[in-house]
C-alpha cells in the first residue's frame, strides 16, 4: 500500500509539474505572433502563418572605407591575387593597415569565423548598424506582422563584421569580403511601461557597448544570428569559402551586400532555426536566413555612412498557440484528478 501511495504521489507531482510548465510556456513563446492582418488570397485575417517569409526593414550602417587599389582586379588581403598572410586573420590585419577611413563608432571585438570566436583576435570591427523592421510578409506580400497591426516594435542591431579581402572593380567600386557578422533582433510591446521608441538620429552616439544601442537593444532578444561561411564563393574564387559577408561599395554612391545567417539563440530561435538554405559549395552546410542590402550614402542629420531598405528571407515554423497549450493543460488537469483517485483507491485496498 505504501508503494502504491508513493507511485500515486509521484504521478500526481509529475502531472502537476507538466501542467505548470504548460501554463507558463506561452509567456516566452507567444511574444511574436505571425498572423495574417487582412484577407489575402486564400487566407483570412487572423489565420496563423507558416512557411517562407520576407522581413522588410530600414537600416543605417557604419563601415570602413578603403583607398582605390589601382586597376580593376587589383586586390588586397586574403584571397585571389591578395596580399599579406593568406589566412583570414592575416587578411584582417592587412586591411586594417590599408584603411582610408575607419568605421565610425567601431568597438573592439574578437574575429568570429563561421560562428567561432578566434583566440587573441580582438580588434576594431569594420561594419555595424541598426534597423527597424517595418513588416513581415509571406512571399506574395501578405502581411503577417506590422508595427500597427501588432502594436509592437522589432529592432535590429548588427555588429562584429571584419573585412579580410578587397577586390578593386571599375568606376570606383570595390568588392569587400568579411566574416563575423552578428545580427540580433529585439521585440517590445508598445503598451509596456518601459517601451522605448526607435531613434536612429542618435547615430554613433547611441552605441553603448559592443552589442548594445539605446532604443534598439531594449526589450526581449527574440533572435541571435551569425553569418555562415561557404555560401557566397567557391574555393579559389575571390575571398573563397571563408567569405560570410560580401559587399560591393562605392564611397560616393553606396552599393549592395548580402550574407547568409545561422540562428544561434533568442526566445524565437526554434521557429526560425530551420536550416532552410543549403550551401552549393560545402556539402551539409546550412543556414537559416538570407539577407540582402542595397545602400545609398546617408544624408540624415546623424553620422551614419549609409542607409538602406533591405529584405531578409527565411522559413518560419509555428509552435502550439496559447489555445493549444490551454487544451493540453486541461488534459493534464484531468490526469491529475484521475491519478489522485487511483492513489486513494490503492490506499484503501
C-alpha atoms as a PDB file:
ATOM      1  CA  UNK A   1       0.000   0.000   0.000  1.00  0.00           C
ATOM      2  CA  UNK A   2       2.863   2.376   0.813  1.00  0.00           C
ATOM      3  CA  UNK A   3       4.457   1.656  -2.567  1.00  0.00           C
ATOM      4  CA  UNK A   4       1.177   2.292  -4.361  1.00  0.00           C
ATOM      5  CA  UNK A   5       0.781   5.501  -2.390  1.00  0.00           C
ATOM      6  CA  UNK A   6       4.289   6.644  -3.379  1.00  0.00           C
ATOM      7  CA  UNK A   7       3.686   5.878  -7.034  1.00  0.00           C
ATOM      8  CA  UNK A   8       0.429   7.791  -6.926  1.00  0.00           C
ATOM      9  CA  UNK A   9       2.026  10.833  -5.309  1.00  0.00           C
ATOM     10  CA  UNK A  10       4.935  10.806  -7.753  1.00  0.00           C
ATOM     11  CA  UNK A  11       2.489  10.603 -10.655  1.00  0.00           C
ATOM     12  CA  UNK A  12       0.465  13.498  -9.289  1.00  0.00           C
ATOM     13  CA  UNK A  13       3.631  15.550  -8.793  1.00  0.00           C
ATOM     14  CA  UNK A  14       4.821  14.825 -12.328  1.00  0.00           C
ATOM     15  CA  UNK A  15       1.474  15.732 -13.831  1.00  0.00           C
ATOM     16  CA  UNK A  16       1.310  18.888 -11.744  1.00  0.00           C
ATOM     17  CA  UNK A  17       4.793  19.871 -12.925  1.00  0.00           C
ATOM     18  CA  UNK A  18       3.763  19.223 -16.523  1.00  0.00           C
ATOM     19  CA  UNK A  19       0.647  21.327 -16.006  1.00  0.00           C
ATOM     20  CA  UNK A  20       2.664  24.178 -14.524  1.00  0.00           C
ATOM     21  CA  UNK A  21       5.116  24.046 -17.411  1.00  0.00           C
ATOM     22  CA  UNK A  22       2.335  24.161 -19.974  1.00  0.00           C
ATOM     23  CA  UNK A  23       0.651  27.077 -18.276  1.00  0.00           C
ATOM     24  CA  UNK A  24       3.920  29.017 -18.058  1.00  0.00           C
ATOM     25  CA  UNK A  25       5.337  28.125 -21.500  1.00  0.00           C
ATOM     26  CA  UNK A  26       3.346  30.526 -23.691  1.00  0.00           C
ATOM     27  CA  UNK A  27       4.744  33.582 -21.872  1.00  0.00           C
ATOM     28  CA  UNK A  28       8.076  33.183 -23.691  1.00  0.00           C
ATOM     29  CA  UNK A  29       6.890  31.613 -26.949  1.00  0.00           C
ATOM     30  CA  UNK A  30       3.853  33.816 -27.654  1.00  0.00           C
ATOM     31  CA  UNK A  31       5.713  37.143 -27.733  1.00  0.00           C
ATOM     32  CA  UNK A  32       5.945  37.153 -31.528  1.00  0.00           C
ATOM     33  CA  UNK A  33       2.757  36.177 -33.348  1.00  0.00           C
ATOM     34  CA  UNK A  34       2.681  35.870 -37.122  1.00  0.00           C
ATOM     35  CA  UNK A  35      -0.925  36.022 -38.340  1.00  0.00           C
ATOM     36  CA  UNK A  36      -2.431  37.496 -41.473  1.00  0.00           C
ATOM     37  CA  UNK A  37      -3.605  41.022 -40.757  1.00  0.00           C
ATOM     38  CA  UNK A  38      -6.110  41.158 -43.616  1.00  0.00           C
ATOM     39  CA  UNK A  39      -7.865  38.848 -46.035  1.00  0.00           C
ATOM     40  CA  UNK A  40      -5.241  37.900 -48.607  1.00  0.00           C
ATOM     41  CA  UNK A  41      -5.784  35.336 -51.350  1.00  0.00           C
ATOM     42  CA  UNK A  42      -6.969  32.136 -49.698  1.00  0.00           C
ATOM     43  CA  UNK A  43      -6.001  33.433 -46.245  1.00  0.00           C
ATOM     44  CA  UNK A  44      -8.390  35.161 -43.881  1.00  0.00           C
ATOM     45  CA  UNK A  45      -7.440  37.870 -41.425  1.00  0.00           C
ATOM     46  CA  UNK A  46      -6.280  36.115 -38.253  1.00  0.00           C
ATOM     47  CA  UNK A  47      -5.065  32.935 -39.971  1.00  0.00           C
ATOM     48  CA  UNK A  48      -1.801  31.631 -38.486  1.00  0.00           C
ATOM     49  CA  UNK A  49       1.210  31.867 -40.785  1.00  0.00           C
ATOM     50  CA  UNK A  50       3.910  29.316 -41.516  1.00  0.00           C
ATOM     51  CA  UNK A  51       6.337  28.935 -44.390  1.00  0.00           C
ATOM     52  CA  UNK A  52       8.676  31.225 -46.291  1.00  0.00           C
ATOM     53  CA  UNK A  53       8.703  34.873 -45.260  1.00  0.00           C
ATOM     54  CA  UNK A  54      10.225  38.230 -46.096  1.00  0.00           C
ATOM     55  CA  UNK A  55      11.315  40.702 -43.409  1.00  0.00           C
ATOM     56  CA  UNK A  56      11.181  44.285 -44.659  1.00  0.00           C
ATOM     57  CA  UNK A  57      13.349  46.728 -42.765  1.00  0.00           C
ATOM     58  CA  UNK A  58      15.057  50.101 -42.850  1.00  0.00           C
ATOM     59  CA  UNK A  59      18.639  50.271 -41.639  1.00  0.00           C
ATOM     60  CA  UNK A  60      21.552  52.587 -41.005  1.00  0.00           C
ATOM     61  CA  UNK A  61      25.120  51.371 -41.264  1.00  0.00           C
ATOM     62  CA  UNK A  62      28.695  52.346 -40.441  1.00  0.00           C
ATOM     63  CA  UNK A  63      31.588  50.904 -42.432  1.00  0.00           C
ATOM     64  CA  UNK A  64      35.269  51.088 -43.307  1.00  0.00           C
ATOM     65  CA  UNK A  65      36.404  52.904 -46.464  1.00  0.00           C
ATOM     66  CA  UNK A  66      39.473  51.780 -48.440  1.00  0.00           C
ATOM     67  CA  UNK A  67      41.574  53.761 -50.933  1.00  0.00           C
ATOM     68  CA  UNK A  68      41.489  52.867 -54.603  1.00  0.00           C
ATOM     69  CA  UNK A  69      43.758  49.853 -55.079  1.00  0.00           C
ATOM     70  CA  UNK A  70      44.601  50.523 -58.734  1.00  0.00           C
ATOM     71  CA  UNK A  71      43.377  48.829 -61.897  1.00  0.00           C
ATOM     72  CA  UNK A  72      40.298  46.573 -61.726  1.00  0.00           C
ATOM     73  CA  UNK A  73      41.345  43.152 -60.468  1.00  0.00           C
ATOM     74  CA  UNK A  74      43.920  44.513 -58.039  1.00  0.00           C
ATOM     75  CA  UNK A  75      43.288  43.012 -54.609  1.00  0.00           C
ATOM     76  CA  UNK A  76      44.443  43.178 -51.005  1.00  0.00           C
ATOM     77  CA  UNK A  77      44.118  40.755 -48.115  1.00  0.00           C
ATOM     78  CA  UNK A  78      43.344  37.027 -48.057  1.00  0.00           C
ATOM     79  CA  UNK A  79      42.027  35.803 -51.408  1.00  0.00           C
ATOM     80  CA  UNK A  80      42.642  35.675 -55.149  1.00  0.00           C
ATOM     81  CA  UNK A  81      45.568  37.963 -56.081  1.00  0.00           C
ATOM     82  CA  UNK A  82      45.628  39.078 -52.451  1.00  0.00           C
ATOM     83  CA  UNK A  83      48.462  40.485 -50.388  1.00  0.00           C
ATOM     84  CA  UNK A  84      49.870  39.711 -46.961  1.00  0.00           C
ATOM     85  CA  UNK A  85      49.478  36.473 -44.958  1.00  0.00           C
ATOM     86  CA  UNK A  86      46.956  34.218 -46.687  1.00  0.00           C
ATOM     87  CA  UNK A  87      44.660  33.477 -43.774  1.00  0.00           C
ATOM     88  CA  UNK A  88      41.518  35.201 -42.517  1.00  0.00           C
ATOM     89  CA  UNK A  89      43.472  36.659 -39.596  1.00  0.00           C
ATOM     90  CA  UNK A  90      46.212  37.769 -41.968  1.00  0.00           C
ATOM     91  CA  UNK A  91      43.683  39.382 -44.280  1.00  0.00           C
ATOM     92  CA  UNK A  92      42.051  41.263 -41.408  1.00  0.00           C
ATOM     93  CA  UNK A  93      45.446  42.572 -40.332  1.00  0.00           C
ATOM     94  CA  UNK A  94      46.387  43.588 -43.876  1.00  0.00           C
ATOM     95  CA  UNK A  95      43.163  45.531 -44.396  1.00  0.00           C
ATOM     96  CA  UNK A  96      43.389  47.205 -41.001  1.00  0.00           C
ATOM     97  CA  UNK A  97      46.647  48.734 -42.196  1.00  0.00           C
ATOM     98  CA  UNK A  98      45.179  49.692 -45.578  1.00  0.00           C
ATOM     99  CA  UNK A  99      42.118  51.652 -44.408  1.00  0.00           C
ATOM    100  CA  UNK A 100      41.497  55.172 -45.655  1.00  0.00           C
ATOM    101  CA  UNK A 101      38.782  55.850 -43.051  1.00  0.00           C
ATOM    102  CA  UNK A 102      37.989  53.520 -40.168  1.00  0.00           C
ATOM    103  CA  UNK A 103      34.460  52.656 -39.087  1.00  0.00           C
ATOM    104  CA  UNK A 104      32.841  55.404 -37.015  1.00  0.00           C
ATOM    105  CA  UNK A 105      31.867  54.114 -33.578  1.00  0.00           C
ATOM    106  CA  UNK A 106      33.661  50.785 -34.057  1.00  0.00           C
ATOM    107  CA  UNK A 107      34.201  48.595 -30.999  1.00  0.00           C
ATOM    108  CA  UNK A 108      36.964  46.080 -30.362  1.00  0.00           C
ATOM    109  CA  UNK A 109      35.522  42.599 -30.828  1.00  0.00           C
ATOM    110  CA  UNK A 110      37.019  39.152 -31.494  1.00  0.00           C
ATOM    111  CA  UNK A 111      37.209  37.913 -35.060  1.00  0.00           C
ATOM    112  CA  UNK A 112      34.454  35.320 -35.495  1.00  0.00           C
ATOM    113  CA  UNK A 113      34.935  32.694 -38.211  1.00  0.00           C
ATOM    114  CA  UNK A 114      31.906  30.550 -39.048  1.00  0.00           C
ATOM    115  CA  UNK A 115      30.415  31.267 -35.634  1.00  0.00           C
ATOM    116  CA  UNK A 116      33.580  30.623 -33.607  1.00  0.00           C
ATOM    117  CA  UNK A 117      35.459  33.465 -31.898  1.00  0.00           C
ATOM    118  CA  UNK A 118      39.177  33.240 -32.615  1.00  0.00           C
ATOM    119  CA  UNK A 119      41.526  33.468 -29.591  1.00  0.00           C
ATOM    120  CA  UNK A 120      43.596  36.627 -29.281  1.00  0.00           C
ATOM    121  CA  UNK A 121      41.834  38.326 -32.177  1.00  0.00           C
ATOM    122  CA  UNK A 122      40.225  41.359 -30.537  1.00  0.00           C
ATOM    123  CA  UNK A 123      40.267  44.409 -32.777  1.00  0.00           C
ATOM    124  CA  UNK A 124      38.026  47.068 -34.344  1.00  0.00           C
ATOM    125  CA  UNK A 125      35.106  45.861 -36.432  1.00  0.00           C
ATOM    126  CA  UNK A 126      34.507  47.094 -39.990  1.00  0.00           C
ATOM    127  CA  UNK A 127      30.722  47.297 -40.067  1.00  0.00           C
ATOM    128  CA  UNK A 128      27.883  47.781 -37.606  1.00  0.00           C
ATOM    129  CA  UNK A 129      24.458  49.375 -37.566  1.00  0.00           C
ATOM    130  CA  UNK A 130      20.809  49.376 -36.590  1.00  0.00           C
ATOM    131  CA  UNK A 131      17.486  48.629 -38.241  1.00  0.00           C
ATOM    132  CA  UNK A 132      13.760  48.798 -37.654  1.00  0.00           C
ATOM    133  CA  UNK A 133      11.511  46.098 -39.072  1.00  0.00           C
ATOM    134  CA  UNK A 134       8.575  47.636 -40.906  1.00  0.00           C
ATOM    135  CA  UNK A 135       6.698  44.451 -41.737  1.00  0.00           C
ATOM    136  CA  UNK A 136       6.930  40.694 -42.176  1.00  0.00           C
ATOM    137  CA  UNK A 137       5.089  39.224 -45.154  1.00  0.00           C
ATOM    138  CA  UNK A 138       4.695  35.958 -46.983  1.00  0.00           C
ATOM    139  CA  UNK A 139       6.489  35.829 -50.329  1.00  0.00           C
ATOM    140  CA  UNK A 140       3.365  37.076 -52.116  1.00  0.00           C
ATOM    141  CA  UNK A 141       3.180  40.189 -49.948  1.00  0.00           C
ATOM    142  CA  UNK A 142       0.511  39.151 -47.447  1.00  0.00           C
ATOM    143  CA  UNK A 143       1.240  40.974 -44.177  1.00  0.00           C
ATOM    144  CA  UNK A 144       1.635  38.680 -41.161  1.00  0.00           C
ATOM    145  CA  UNK A 145       3.291  41.204 -38.836  1.00  0.00           C
ATOM    146  CA  UNK A 146       3.403  45.001 -38.738  1.00  0.00           C
ATOM    147  CA  UNK A 147       4.006  47.598 -36.056  1.00  0.00           C
ATOM    148  CA  UNK A 148       0.484  48.977 -36.322  1.00  0.00           C
ATOM    149  CA  UNK A 149      -1.216  45.615 -36.598  1.00  0.00           C
ATOM    150  CA  UNK A 150       0.535  44.020 -33.614  1.00  0.00           C
ATOM    151  CA  UNK A 151       1.236  47.239 -31.649  1.00  0.00           C
ATOM    152  CA  UNK A 152       4.836  46.109 -31.236  1.00  0.00           C
ATOM    153  CA  UNK A 153       8.294  47.200 -32.336  1.00  0.00           C
ATOM    154  CA  UNK A 154      11.059  44.949 -33.667  1.00  0.00           C
ATOM    155  CA  UNK A 155      14.529  46.453 -33.872  1.00  0.00           C
ATOM    156  CA  UNK A 156      17.807  45.011 -35.095  1.00  0.00           C
ATOM    157  CA  UNK A 157      21.410  45.537 -34.070  1.00  0.00           C
ATOM    158  CA  UNK A 158      24.175  44.166 -36.288  1.00  0.00           C
ATOM    159  CA  UNK A 159      27.847  44.286 -35.455  1.00  0.00           C
ATOM    160  CA  UNK A 160      31.181  42.469 -35.350  1.00  0.00           C
ATOM    161  CA  UNK A 161      31.871  42.107 -39.084  1.00  0.00           C
ATOM    162  CA  UNK A 162      35.546  42.243 -40.088  1.00  0.00           C
ATOM    163  CA  UNK A 163      36.863  42.642 -43.637  1.00  0.00           C
ATOM    164  CA  UNK A 164      39.615  40.314 -44.854  1.00  0.00           C
ATOM    165  CA  UNK A 165      39.688  40.813 -48.651  1.00  0.00           C
ATOM    166  CA  UNK A 166      39.096  43.718 -51.048  1.00  0.00           C
ATOM    167  CA  UNK A 167      38.973  43.442 -54.838  1.00  0.00           C
ATOM    168  CA  UNK A 168      39.043  46.597 -56.963  1.00  0.00           C
ATOM    169  CA  UNK A 169      36.270  46.949 -59.550  1.00  0.00           C
ATOM    170  CA  UNK A 170      35.680  49.527 -62.285  1.00  0.00           C
ATOM    171  CA  UNK A 171      34.214  53.011 -61.746  1.00  0.00           C
ATOM    172  CA  UNK A 172      35.374  53.319 -58.160  1.00  0.00           C
ATOM    173  CA  UNK A 173      33.535  50.269 -56.825  1.00  0.00           C
ATOM    174  CA  UNK A 174      35.190  47.711 -54.561  1.00  0.00           C
ATOM    175  CA  UNK A 175      34.128  44.202 -53.627  1.00  0.00           C
ATOM    176  CA  UNK A 176      34.672  43.620 -49.913  1.00  0.00           C
ATOM    177  CA  UNK A 177      34.588  40.230 -48.187  1.00  0.00           C
ATOM    178  CA  UNK A 178      34.210  39.702 -44.447  1.00  0.00           C
ATOM    179  CA  UNK A 179      33.441  37.376 -41.560  1.00  0.00           C
ATOM    180  CA  UNK A 180      31.769  37.505 -38.168  1.00  0.00           C
ATOM    181  CA  UNK A 181      28.594  39.484 -38.853  1.00  0.00           C
ATOM    182  CA  UNK A 182      26.219  39.191 -35.902  1.00  0.00           C
ATOM    183  CA  UNK A 183      22.564  40.208 -36.188  1.00  0.00           C
ATOM    184  CA  UNK A 184      20.282  40.389 -33.129  1.00  0.00           C
ATOM    185  CA  UNK A 185      16.532  41.110 -33.147  1.00  0.00           C
ATOM    186  CA  UNK A 186      14.655  42.653 -30.209  1.00  0.00           C
ATOM    187  CA  UNK A 187      10.899  42.844 -29.599  1.00  0.00           C
ATOM    188  CA  UNK A 188       8.957  45.348 -27.485  1.00  0.00           C
ATOM    189  CA  UNK A 189       5.242  45.705 -26.819  1.00  0.00           C
ATOM    190  CA  UNK A 190       4.288  49.339 -27.233  1.00  0.00           C
ATOM    191  CA  UNK A 191       1.973  49.005 -24.238  1.00  0.00           C
ATOM    192  CA  UNK A 192       4.898  48.067 -21.990  1.00  0.00           C
ATOM    193  CA  UNK A 193       5.590  50.845 -19.447  1.00  0.00           C
ATOM    194  CA  UNK A 194       9.296  50.562 -20.268  1.00  0.00           C
ATOM    195  CA  UNK A 195       8.832  50.794 -24.044  1.00  0.00           C
ATOM    196  CA  UNK A 196      11.471  52.875 -25.850  1.00  0.00           C
ATOM    197  CA  UNK A 197      10.802  54.187 -29.345  1.00  0.00           C
ATOM    198  CA  UNK A 198      13.408  53.507 -32.033  1.00  0.00           C
ATOM    199  CA  UNK A 199      15.664  56.523 -32.554  1.00  0.00           C
ATOM    200  CA  UNK A 200      18.231  56.329 -35.385  1.00  0.00           C
ATOM    201  CA  UNK A 201      19.085  60.022 -35.109  1.00  0.00           C
ATOM    202  CA  UNK A 202      21.453  59.218 -32.245  1.00  0.00           C
ATOM    203  CA  UNK A 203      23.958  57.938 -34.796  1.00  0.00           C
ATOM    204  CA  UNK A 204      27.186  56.592 -33.347  1.00  0.00           C
ATOM    205  CA  UNK A 205      26.438  58.291 -30.008  1.00  0.00           C
ATOM    206  CA  UNK A 206      23.642  55.799 -29.391  1.00  0.00           C
ATOM    207  CA  UNK A 207      26.030  52.871 -29.154  1.00  0.00           C
ATOM    208  CA  UNK A 208      26.639  51.872 -25.542  1.00  0.00           C
ATOM    209  CA  UNK A 209      28.722  48.708 -25.982  1.00  0.00           C
ATOM    210  CA  UNK A 210      29.834  46.020 -28.447  1.00  0.00           C
ATOM    211  CA  UNK A 211      26.293  44.601 -28.703  1.00  0.00           C
ATOM    212  CA  UNK A 212      24.078  47.375 -27.284  1.00  0.00           C
ATOM    213  CA  UNK A 213      22.451  50.523 -28.633  1.00  0.00           C
ATOM    214  CA  UNK A 214      19.978  52.902 -26.997  1.00  0.00           C
ATOM    215  CA  UNK A 215      16.358  52.277 -28.110  1.00  0.00           C
ATOM    216  CA  UNK A 216      17.396  49.280 -30.259  1.00  0.00           C
ATOM    217  CA  UNK A 217      18.595  46.552 -27.885  1.00  0.00           C
ATOM    218  CA  UNK A 218      15.795  47.156 -25.378  1.00  0.00           C
ATOM    219  CA  UNK A 219      13.019  44.617 -24.896  1.00  0.00           C
ATOM    220  CA  UNK A 220      13.268  40.861 -25.427  1.00  0.00           C
ATOM    221  CA  UNK A 221      16.023  39.276 -27.503  1.00  0.00           C
ATOM    222  CA  UNK A 222      13.998  37.121 -29.891  1.00  0.00           C
ATOM    223  CA  UNK A 223      16.748  36.099 -32.330  1.00  0.00           C
ATOM    224  CA  UNK A 224      20.541  35.972 -32.306  1.00  0.00           C
ATOM    225  CA  UNK A 225      22.262  35.078 -35.561  1.00  0.00           C
ATOM    226  CA  UNK A 226      25.770  34.925 -37.000  1.00  0.00           C
ATOM    227  CA  UNK A 227      26.970  34.861 -40.602  1.00  0.00           C
ATOM    228  CA  UNK A 228      27.770  31.491 -42.177  1.00  0.00           C
ATOM    229  CA  UNK A 229      30.689  30.546 -44.432  1.00  0.00           C
ATOM    230  CA  UNK A 230      30.535  28.521 -47.639  1.00  0.00           C
ATOM    231  CA  UNK A 231      27.519  30.139 -49.326  1.00  0.00           C
ATOM    232  CA  UNK A 232      28.877  33.053 -51.353  1.00  0.00           C
ATOM    233  CA  UNK A 233      32.097  31.920 -53.070  1.00  0.00           C
ATOM    234  CA  UNK A 234      33.593  28.619 -54.123  1.00  0.00           C
ATOM    235  CA  UNK A 235      37.160  27.765 -53.135  1.00  0.00           C
ATOM    236  CA  UNK A 236      39.645  29.897 -55.056  1.00  0.00           C
ATOM    237  CA  UNK A 237      37.079  32.496 -56.116  1.00  0.00           C
ATOM    238  CA  UNK A 238      37.797  35.962 -54.685  1.00  0.00           C
ATOM    239  CA  UNK A 239      37.623  35.540 -50.874  1.00  0.00           C
ATOM    240  CA  UNK A 240      36.849  31.831 -51.246  1.00  0.00           C
ATOM    241  CA  UNK A 241      34.845  29.615 -48.911  1.00  0.00           C
ATOM    242  CA  UNK A 242      35.745  31.770 -45.906  1.00  0.00           C
ATOM    243  CA  UNK A 243      33.551  34.625 -47.151  1.00  0.00           C
ATOM    244  CA  UNK A 244      30.490  35.120 -44.927  1.00  0.00           C
ATOM    245  CA  UNK A 245      29.575  38.675 -45.909  1.00  0.00           C
ATOM    246  CA  UNK A 246      30.133  40.418 -49.229  1.00  0.00           C
ATOM    247  CA  UNK A 247      29.516  43.980 -50.329  1.00  0.00           C
ATOM    248  CA  UNK A 248      30.040  45.988 -53.485  1.00  0.00           C
ATOM    249  CA  UNK A 249      30.611  49.580 -52.422  1.00  0.00           C
ATOM    250  CA  UNK A 250      31.382  52.986 -53.869  1.00  0.00           C
ATOM    251  CA  UNK A 251      32.173  55.735 -51.367  1.00  0.00           C
ATOM    252  CA  UNK A 252      30.243  58.236 -53.493  1.00  0.00           C
ATOM    253  CA  UNK A 253      27.037  56.318 -54.142  1.00  0.00           C
ATOM    254  CA  UNK A 254      26.679  53.235 -51.922  1.00  0.00           C
ATOM    255  CA  UNK A 255      26.218  49.690 -53.183  1.00  0.00           C
ATOM    256  CA  UNK A 256      24.899  46.239 -52.348  1.00  0.00           C
ATOM    257  CA  UNK A 257      25.667  43.455 -49.889  1.00  0.00           C
ATOM    258  CA  UNK A 258      24.499  40.036 -48.784  1.00  0.00           C
ATOM    259  CA  UNK A 259      25.022  37.396 -46.102  1.00  0.00           C
ATOM    260  CA  UNK A 260      23.600  34.059 -45.021  1.00  0.00           C
ATOM    261  CA  UNK A 261      22.835  33.818 -41.307  1.00  0.00           C
ATOM    262  CA  UNK A 262      22.534  30.941 -38.840  1.00  0.00           C
ATOM    263  CA  UNK A 263      20.272  31.246 -35.795  1.00  0.00           C
ATOM    264  CA  UNK A 264      22.197  30.805 -32.537  1.00  0.00           C
ATOM    265  CA  UNK A 265      19.705  31.851 -29.847  1.00  0.00           C
ATOM    266  CA  UNK A 266      16.824  34.041 -28.724  1.00  0.00           C
ATOM    267  CA  UNK A 267      13.327  33.255 -27.459  1.00  0.00           C
ATOM    268  CA  UNK A 268      12.060  32.600 -31.010  1.00  0.00           C
ATOM    269  CA  UNK A 269      15.059  30.541 -32.159  1.00  0.00           C
ATOM    270  CA  UNK A 270      13.131  27.277 -32.530  1.00  0.00           C
ATOM    271  CA  UNK A 271      10.720  28.832 -35.013  1.00  0.00           C
ATOM    272  CA  UNK A 272      13.384  30.308 -37.286  1.00  0.00           C
ATOM    273  CA  UNK A 273      16.159  27.707 -36.945  1.00  0.00           C
ATOM    274  CA  UNK A 274      15.033  25.610 -39.924  1.00  0.00           C
ATOM    275  CA  UNK A 275      18.299  25.085 -41.884  1.00  0.00           C
ATOM    276  CA  UNK A 276      16.318  26.304 -44.880  1.00  0.00           C
ATOM    277  CA  UNK A 277      19.318  27.196 -47.052  1.00  0.00           C
ATOM    278  CA  UNK A 278      21.917  24.653 -48.191  1.00  0.00           C
ATOM    279  CA  UNK A 279      25.375  25.526 -49.464  1.00  0.00           C
ATOM    280  CA  UNK A 280      26.187  24.640 -53.057  1.00  0.00           C
ATOM    281  CA  UNK A 281      29.893  24.652 -52.173  1.00  0.00           C
ATOM    282  CA  UNK A 282      30.130  22.745 -48.869  1.00  0.00           C
ATOM    283  CA  UNK A 283      28.032  19.555 -48.559  1.00  0.00           C
ATOM    284  CA  UNK A 284      25.932  19.596 -45.400  1.00  0.00           C
ATOM    285  CA  UNK A 285      26.455  23.281 -44.604  1.00  0.00           C
ATOM    286  CA  UNK A 286      23.163  25.059 -43.868  1.00  0.00           C
ATOM    287  CA  UNK A 287      21.880  28.499 -42.894  1.00  0.00           C
ATOM    288  CA  UNK A 288      18.528  29.842 -41.719  1.00  0.00           C
ATOM    289  CA  UNK A 289      18.212  33.358 -43.143  1.00  0.00           C
ATOM    290  CA  UNK A 290      19.375  35.219 -46.234  1.00  0.00           C
ATOM    291  CA  UNK A 291      19.864  38.987 -46.047  1.00  0.00           C
ATOM    292  CA  UNK A 292      20.339  41.416 -48.918  1.00  0.00           C
ATOM    293  CA  UNK A 293      21.272  45.097 -48.729  1.00  0.00           C
ATOM    294  CA  UNK A 294      21.018  47.916 -51.253  1.00  0.00           C
ATOM    295  CA  UNK A 295      22.592  51.017 -49.754  1.00  0.00           C
ATOM    296  CA  UNK A 296      22.854  54.709 -50.545  1.00  0.00           C
ATOM    297  CA  UNK A 297      25.010  57.312 -48.841  1.00  0.00           C
ATOM    298  CA  UNK A 298      23.136  58.605 -45.807  1.00  0.00           C
ATOM    299  CA  UNK A 299      22.120  62.265 -45.797  1.00  0.00           C
ATOM    300  CA  UNK A 300      20.455  62.234 -42.372  1.00  0.00           C
ATOM    301  CA  UNK A 301      21.402  64.675 -39.637  1.00  0.00           C
ATOM    302  CA  UNK A 302      23.340  61.958 -37.795  1.00  0.00           C
ATOM    303  CA  UNK A 303      26.705  60.475 -38.792  1.00  0.00           C
ATOM    304  CA  UNK A 304      25.618  57.212 -40.453  1.00  0.00           C
ATOM    305  CA  UNK A 305      27.634  56.255 -43.528  1.00  0.00           C
ATOM    306  CA  UNK A 306      24.812  54.594 -45.489  1.00  0.00           C
ATOM    307  CA  UNK A 307      21.114  53.771 -45.220  1.00  0.00           C
ATOM    308  CA  UNK A 308      19.007  51.160 -46.959  1.00  0.00           C
ATOM    309  CA  UNK A 309      15.716  49.307 -47.268  1.00  0.00           C
ATOM    310  CA  UNK A 310      16.502  45.611 -47.196  1.00  0.00           C
ATOM    311  CA  UNK A 311      14.761  42.249 -47.225  1.00  0.00           C
ATOM    312  CA  UNK A 312      15.663  39.221 -45.127  1.00  0.00           C
ATOM    313  CA  UNK A 313      14.140  35.886 -46.117  1.00  0.00           C
ATOM    314  CA  UNK A 314      13.799  32.509 -44.447  1.00  0.00           C
ATOM    315  CA  UNK A 315      11.307  29.883 -43.290  1.00  0.00           C
ATOM    316  CA  UNK A 316       9.027  30.048 -40.239  1.00  0.00           C
ATOM    317  CA  UNK A 317       7.799  27.003 -38.297  1.00  0.00           C
ATOM    318  CA  UNK A 318       4.842  27.578 -35.940  1.00  0.00           C
ATOM    319  CA  UNK A 319       4.648  26.273 -32.386  1.00  0.00           C
ATOM    320  CA  UNK A 320       1.435  25.477 -30.473  1.00  0.00           C
ATOM    321  CA  UNK A 321      -0.692  28.575 -29.936  1.00  0.00           C
ATOM    322  CA  UNK A 322      -1.803  29.578 -26.414  1.00  0.00           C
ATOM    323  CA  UNK A 323      -5.172  27.906 -27.036  1.00  0.00           C
ATOM    324  CA  UNK A 324      -3.362  24.644 -27.753  1.00  0.00           C
ATOM    325  CA  UNK A 325      -1.451  24.963 -24.516  1.00  0.00           C
ATOM    326  CA  UNK A 326      -4.741  25.598 -22.752  1.00  0.00           C
ATOM    327  CA  UNK A 327      -6.236  22.381 -24.116  1.00  0.00           C
ATOM    328  CA  UNK A 328      -3.129  20.443 -23.124  1.00  0.00           C
ATOM    329  CA  UNK A 329      -3.220  21.989 -19.662  1.00  0.00           C
ATOM    330  CA  UNK A 330      -6.848  20.975 -19.258  1.00  0.00           C
ATOM    331  CA  UNK A 331      -5.954  17.425 -20.258  1.00  0.00           C
ATOM    332  CA  UNK A 332      -3.123  17.413 -17.734  1.00  0.00           C
ATOM    333  CA  UNK A 333      -5.504  18.671 -15.045  1.00  0.00           C
ATOM    334  CA  UNK A 334      -7.853  15.787 -15.775  1.00  0.00           C
ATOM    335  CA  UNK A 335      -4.848  13.482 -15.449  1.00  0.00           C
ATOM    336  CA  UNK A 336      -4.071  14.909 -12.016  1.00  0.00           C
ATOM    337  CA  UNK A 337      -7.622  14.187 -10.845  1.00  0.00           C
ATOM    338  CA  UNK A 338      -7.515  10.628 -12.204  1.00  0.00           C
ATOM    339  CA  UNK A 339      -4.145   9.945 -10.584  1.00  0.00           C
ATOM    340  CA  UNK A 340      -5.374  11.184  -7.223  1.00  0.00           C
ATOM    341  CA  UNK A 341      -8.463   8.982  -7.402  1.00  0.00           C
ATOM    342  CA  UNK A 342      -6.326   5.977  -8.259  1.00  0.00           C
ATOM    343  CA  UNK A 343      -3.968   6.776  -5.406  1.00  0.00           C
ATOM    344  CA  UNK A 344      -6.879   6.948  -2.957  1.00  0.00           C
ATOM    345  CA  UNK A 345      -8.315   3.675  -4.260  1.00  0.00           C
ATOM    346  CA  UNK A 346      -4.916   1.992  -3.896  1.00  0.00           C
ATOM    347  CA  UNK A 347      -4.547   3.306  -0.367  1.00  0.00           C
ATOM    348  CA  UNK A 348      -7.975   1.954   0.567  1.00  0.00           C
ATOM    349  CA  UNK A 349      -7.212  -1.586  -0.580  1.00  0.00           C
END
